Amino acid sequence: MRHTLAVLTAAALLASAADAVAAGWTQPTGGLYLKLWERSLVGTNAYLADGSAGEVPETYLDQALNVYLEYGLTDALTLVAFGAPVGYAAYGDEGAVYVGPLAAGLRYGLPLGRARVAVEAHYGYAPDVGTDSLGSGVVDGEPFAYVPAVETHRVEGELQLGVPLSFGWTAASAGYRWLSHDDLDPVLYGFAQLGWQASAAWVLDLHFNLHEPSGVDIEATNVAGVGQTRYLGFGVGASWWFAQQWALALGFEGVAYAQSNAATPTLTVGVEYSSTR
């Protein structure tokens, strides 16, 4: 499954804003968090436009380099940037390099008792790279195509809440995304996360992602999961802080239901850096 939300794991126990990379928290002035990771999926199954699952005739794969950055402009205002600067997708014998959405914005956060509340806004653009179809066909009477990328501008805003817990944290966000492409409806999206500081070195989390386009019907299937798609996803993440400021990050993503998307698990592996640990 393709996701536009960049960071699904946390840097550390959310006992203070300085340690946090989660919804609601901001970086302290001059604080930097950076994550680079590779996302990989391979499969032959797809969620069709009507929500049913079917097997496509050829194997598809999708690999992408992703980046996420936070920098504290002030204690209350954090610069946020994220995206997929390069990826490679294939369907059968056809393959293409693509560029995913690249976005930047600001997060403004305030304390609410022990909790943190924030608002965040971004502008992003997915360029016209890798936007040609790599293949098409019909499964169970439903036509499909595999198109790695869709060119579009995007503007989004969200409300976030983060709450520290004795063993970790919980966080949630809800947002609205406008897309310039004529065939893409505005999207309501949500995120919920429960994190656990298992030890001084290990941080684990469970998270859910909701992507709900405002249009009633999804009429076409794009197995790549970009463009017009609907899903409820879930995943687990683990960060191993092998050095004071550096971690190895691993992740697994699945889906509870979807329309017009890949029906195969997504695996991620990457590195994290936090200047505030």
Protein backbone atom coordinates (compact mmCIF):
# COMPACT_ATOMS: atom_id res chain seq x y z
CA MET A 1 0.00 0.00 0.00
CA ARG A 2 1.23 3.49 -0.81
CA HIS A 3 1.17 5.98 2.02
CA THR A 4 1.63 9.75 2.00
CA LEU A 5 2.15 10.09 5.69
CA ALA A 6 5.88 9.90 6.09
CA VAL A 7 6.74 8.92 9.68
CA LEU A 8 4.95 6.00 11.29
CA THR A 9 7.46 5.30 14.05
CA ALA A 10 8.61 7.53 16.91
CA ALA A 11 12.07 8.60 17.92
CA ALA A 12 11.82 8.13 21.66
CA LEU A 13 9.62 8.18 24.74
CA LEU A 14 7.42 11.25 24.60
CA ALA A 15 8.19 12.50 28.08
CA SER A 16 9.08 15.89 26.64
CA ALA A 17 8.77 17.72 23.34
CA ALA A 18 12.54 17.49 22.82
CA ASP A 19 12.32 13.72 22.40
CA ALA A 20 9.22 13.60 20.27
CA VAL A 21 8.49 12.76 16.69
CA ALA A 22 4.75 12.18 16.80
CA ALA A 23 1.50 14.01 16.18
CA GLY A 24 1.05 16.99 18.50
CA TRP A 25 4.68 17.46 19.53
CA THR A 26 7.11 20.00 18.13
CA GLN A 27 10.90 20.08 18.06
CA PRO A 28 12.73 22.49 20.39
CA THR A 29 14.49 25.46 18.81
CA GLY A 30 17.31 24.08 16.66
CA GLY A 31 16.22 20.47 17.20
CA LEU A 32 16.54 18.20 14.17
CA TYR A 33 14.93 14.85 13.40
CA LEU A 34 15.66 13.05 10.12
CA LYS A 35 14.54 9.67 8.81
CA LEU A 36 15.54 7.95 5.56
CA TRP A 37 13.95 4.64 4.64
CA GLU A 38 13.26 2.25 1.80
CA ARG A 39 9.73 0.97 1.25
CA SER A 40 9.22 -2.28 -0.64
CA LEU A 41 6.24 -4.31 -1.78
CA VAL A 42 5.88 -7.24 -4.18
CA GLY A 43 2.69 -9.07 -5.05
CA THR A 44 0.08 -10.30 -7.49
CA ASN A 45 -3.13 -9.40 -5.63
CA ALA A 46 -5.08 -6.16 -5.78
CA TYR A 47 -8.07 -4.50 -4.18
CA LEU A 48 -10.34 -3.56 -7.06
CA ALA A 49 -12.48 -0.44 -7.35
CA ASP A 50 -15.51 -2.25 -5.91
CA GLY A 51 -13.57 -3.35 -2.81
CA SER A 52 -13.19 -7.00 -3.78
CA ALA A 53 -9.77 -8.66 -3.99
CA GLY A 54 -8.43 -10.35 -7.09
CA GLU A 55 -5.21 -11.67 -8.59
CA VAL A 56 -3.69 -9.73 -11.48
CA PRO A 57 -1.96 -11.67 -14.30
CA GLU A 58 1.59 -10.36 -13.66
CA THR A 59 3.75 -9.74 -10.60
CA TYR A 60 4.16 -6.11 -9.57
CA LEU A 61 6.80 -4.50 -7.38
CA ASP A 62 7.30 -1.05 -5.94
CA GLN A 63 10.41 0.25 -4.18
CA ALA A 64 10.89 3.84 -3.06
CA LEU A 65 13.33 5.95 -1.08
CA ASN A 66 11.49 8.11 1.46
CA VAL A 67 12.63 11.03 3.58
CA TYR A 68 11.09 12.85 6.54
CA LEU A 69 12.53 15.89 8.35
CA GLU A 70 11.56 18.06 11.31
CA TYR A 71 13.47 21.18 12.37
CA GLY A 72 12.53 23.39 15.31
CA LEU A 73 12.27 27.03 14.21
CA THR A 74 11.04 27.90 17.71
CA ASP A 75 9.84 25.74 20.59
CA ALA A 76 6.29 26.08 19.25
CA LEU A 77 6.92 26.10 15.48
CA THR A 78 8.49 23.21 13.57
CA LEU A 79 9.40 22.98 9.90
CA VAL A 80 8.25 19.67 8.38
CA ALA A 81 9.33 18.23 5.02
CA PHE A 82 8.75 14.78 3.55
CA GLY A 83 8.39 12.84 0.35
CA ALA A 84 9.52 10.07 -1.96
CA PRO A 85 12.23 11.63 -4.18
CA VAL A 86 12.81 8.48 -6.22
CA GLY A 87 11.12 5.14 -6.70
CA TYR A 88 11.03 2.21 -9.09
CA ALA A 89 7.90 0.29 -10.05
CA ALA A 90 7.39 -2.68 -12.34
CA TYR A 91 4.49 -4.74 -13.64
CA GLY A 92 5.49 -7.86 -15.53
CA ASP A 93 8.31 -6.94 -17.90
CA GLU A 94 7.59 -3.20 -17.82
CA GLY A 95 9.26 -0.89 -15.31
CA ALA A 96 9.71 2.82 -14.66
CA VAL A 97 11.39 5.27 -12.33
CA TYR A 98 8.97 7.65 -10.64
CA VAL A 99 8.95 10.57 -8.20
CA GLY A 100 6.36 10.53 -5.45
CA PRO A 101 4.80 13.49 -3.64
CA LEU A 102 7.28 16.01 -2.17
CA ALA A 103 5.87 18.29 0.51
CA ALA A 104 6.85 20.88 3.10
CA GLY A 105 4.96 22.77 5.77
CA LEU A 106 4.75 23.96 9.35
CA ARG A 107 3.50 22.52 12.64
CA TYR A 108 2.43 24.85 15.44
CA GLY A 109 1.98 23.20 18.82
CA LEU A 110 0.88 24.19 22.30
CA PRO A 111 0.65 22.33 25.63
CA LEU A 112 -2.76 21.28 26.89
CA GLY A 113 -2.05 20.07 30.40
CA ARG A 114 0.28 17.10 29.94
CA ALA A 115 -0.92 16.66 26.37
CA ARG A 116 0.13 18.52 23.23
CA VAL A 117 -2.17 19.98 20.57
CA ALA A 118 -0.90 21.10 17.17
CA VAL A 119 -2.07 22.28 13.79
CA GLU A 120 -0.07 21.45 10.68
CA ALA A 121 -0.30 22.54 7.05
CA HIS A 122 1.64 21.45 3.95
CA TYR A 123 1.99 22.15 0.26
CA GLY A 124 3.20 19.35 -1.98
CA TYR A 125 3.70 18.39 -5.59
CA ALA A 126 4.06 15.06 -7.40
CA PRO A 127 5.77 15.72 -10.76
CA ASP A 128 5.08 14.15 -14.14
CA VAL A 129 7.64 11.35 -13.71
CA GLY A 130 6.52 7.74 -13.96
CA THR A 131 2.92 8.62 -14.77
CA ASP A 132 2.50 6.22 -17.73
CA SER A 133 0.70 2.91 -17.30
CA LEU A 134 2.95 -0.15 -17.02
CA GLY A 135 0.13 -2.55 -17.82
CA SER A 136 -3.60 -3.11 -17.72
CA GLY A 137 -6.18 -5.86 -17.86
CA VAL A 138 -9.42 -7.20 -16.43
CA VAL A 139 -9.87 -9.19 -13.20
CA ASP A 140 -13.29 -10.64 -12.30
CA GLY A 141 -14.91 -8.25 -14.76
CA GLU A 142 -13.18 -5.20 -13.27
CA PRO A 143 -10.65 -3.31 -15.44
CA PHE A 144 -7.36 -2.32 -13.82
CA ALA A 145 -4.11 -0.53 -14.62
CA TYR A 146 -0.74 -0.15 -12.93
CA VAL A 147 0.30 3.52 -12.94
CA PRO A 148 3.18 4.31 -10.53
CA ALA A 149 2.56 8.05 -10.10
CA VAL A 150 0.00 10.79 -10.71
CA GLU A 151 1.02 14.41 -11.31
CA THR A 152 -0.81 16.72 -8.92
CA HIS A 153 -0.45 19.66 -6.57
CA ARG A 154 -1.72 19.15 -3.04
CA VAL A 155 -2.59 21.32 -0.06
CA GLU A 156 -3.44 19.78 3.29
CA GLY A 157 -4.13 20.79 6.85
CA GLU A 158 -4.56 18.70 9.99
CA LEU A 159 -5.26 18.84 13.71
CA GLN A 160 -3.09 16.72 16.01
CA LEU A 161 -3.16 15.52 19.61
CA GLY A 162 -0.41 13.75 21.55
CA VAL A 163 -0.63 12.38 25.10
CA PRO A 164 2.32 10.99 27.09
CA LEU A 165 1.70 7.72 28.95
CA SER A 166 3.60 5.95 31.70
CA PHE A 167 4.94 3.41 29.18
CA GLY A 168 5.09 5.57 26.06
CA TRP A 169 2.54 7.74 24.28
CA THR A 170 -0.60 7.88 22.19
CA ALA A 171 -1.22 10.26 19.31
CA ALA A 172 -3.89 10.99 16.73
CA SER A 173 -4.45 13.37 13.84
CA ALA A 174 -7.18 14.19 11.33
CA GLY A 175 -6.76 16.20 8.16
CA TYR A 176 -8.14 17.37 4.82
CA ARG A 177 -6.22 17.16 1.53
CA TRP A 178 -7.06 19.07 -1.65
CA LEU A 179 -5.62 17.76 -4.93
CA SER A 180 -5.39 19.70 -8.18
CA HIS A 181 -5.81 16.73 -10.53
CA ASP A 182 -9.28 16.75 -12.08
CA ASP A 183 -9.84 13.04 -11.41
CA LEU A 184 -8.90 13.17 -7.72
CA ASP A 185 -11.46 14.08 -5.06
CA PRO A 186 -10.46 15.86 -1.83
CA VAL A 187 -9.45 13.42 0.90
CA LEU A 188 -10.23 13.14 4.59
CA TYR A 189 -7.40 11.29 6.32
CA GLY A 190 -6.65 10.18 9.85
CA PHE A 191 -3.88 8.61 11.88
CA ALA A 192 -3.81 6.96 15.32
CA GLN A 193 -0.78 5.59 17.14
CA LEU A 194 0.10 3.82 20.37
CA GLY A 195 3.78 3.79 21.28
CA TRP A 196 5.79 1.82 23.82
CA GLN A 197 9.26 2.59 25.16
CA ALA A 198 10.26 -1.06 25.60
CA SER A 199 13.78 -0.24 26.82
CA ALA A 200 16.39 2.49 26.59
CA ALA A 201 17.22 1.28 23.07
CA TRP A 202 13.92 -0.08 21.72
CA VAL A 203 10.80 1.87 20.77
CA LEU A 204 7.75 0.06 19.36
CA ASP A 205 4.46 1.33 17.95
CA LEU A 206 1.12 0.23 16.56
CA HIS A 207 -0.64 2.59 14.16
CA PHE A 208 -3.68 2.95 11.91
CA ASN A 209 -4.17 5.10 8.78
CA LEU A 210 -7.48 6.13 7.23
CA HIS A 211 -7.71 7.53 3.68
CA GLU A 212 -11.25 8.47 2.66
CA PRO A 213 -11.89 10.40 -0.59
CA SER A 214 -14.94 12.64 -0.50
CA GLY A 215 -16.37 11.16 -3.70
CA VAL A 216 -18.93 8.41 -3.20
CA ASP A 217 -17.65 6.00 -5.85
CA ILE A 218 -14.23 4.87 -7.03
CA GLU A 219 -14.67 3.91 -10.65
CA ALA A 220 -11.19 2.81 -11.76
CA THR A 221 -8.60 0.46 -10.24
CA ASN A 222 -4.96 1.52 -10.05
CA VAL A 223 -3.06 -1.31 -8.39
CA ALA A 224 -0.23 1.06 -7.44
CA GLY A 225 -2.57 2.72 -4.94
CA VAL A 226 -1.93 6.29 -6.06
CA GLY A 227 -4.70 8.51 -7.29
CA GLN A 228 -8.28 7.75 -6.33
CA THR A 229 -8.11 5.14 -3.53
CA ARG A 230 -9.84 4.33 -0.26
CA TYR A 231 -8.34 2.30 2.60
CA LEU A 232 -7.93 1.62 6.29
CA GLY A 233 -4.36 0.56 6.93
CA PHE A 234 -2.53 -0.71 9.99
CA GLY A 235 1.08 -1.32 10.85
CA VAL A 236 3.78 -1.88 13.43
CA GLY A 237 7.12 -0.15 13.73
CA ALA A 238 10.31 -0.71 15.71
CA SER A 239 13.26 1.61 16.28
CA TRP A 240 16.55 0.33 17.71
CA TRP A 241 18.68 3.19 19.02
CA PHE A 242 22.10 1.59 18.64
CA ALA A 243 23.84 4.91 19.34
CA GLN A 244 22.86 8.03 21.26
CA GLN A 245 21.40 9.83 18.25
CA TRP A 246 21.06 7.08 15.63
CA ALA A 247 18.53 4.28 15.16
CA LEU A 248 17.67 1.47 12.79
CA ALA A 249 13.95 1.54 11.91
CA LEU A 250 11.86 -1.41 10.71
CA GLY A 251 8.19 -1.47 9.75
CA PHE A 252 5.36 -3.65 8.46
CA GLU A 253 2.17 -2.27 6.89
CA GLY A 254 -1.07 -4.09 6.09
CA VAL A 255 -4.64 -3.19 5.20
CA ALA A 256 -8.02 -3.91 6.77
CA TYR A 257 -9.98 -2.88 3.68
CA ALA A 258 -9.25 -0.99 0.48
CA GLN A 259 -10.49 0.04 -2.94
CA SER A 260 -8.10 0.55 -5.85
CA ASN A 261 -4.88 -0.49 -4.15
CA ALA A 262 -2.28 -3.22 -3.83
CA ALA A 263 -3.26 -6.19 -1.67
CA THR A 264 0.14 -7.17 -0.30
CA PRO A 265 2.17 -6.28 2.81
CA THR A 266 4.61 -3.38 2.74
CA LEU A 267 8.01 -3.66 4.42
CA THR A 268 10.22 -0.73 5.39
CA VAL A 269 13.81 -0.42 6.63
CA GLY A 270 15.69 2.78 7.34
CA VAL A 271 17.74 4.94 9.68
CA GLU A 272 16.74 7.74 12.06
CA TYR A 273 18.69 10.66 13.51
CA SER A 274 17.62 12.85 16.43
CA SER A 275 19.74 15.73 17.71
CA THR A 276 17.71 15.98 20.92
CA ARG A 277 18.24 12.54 22.46
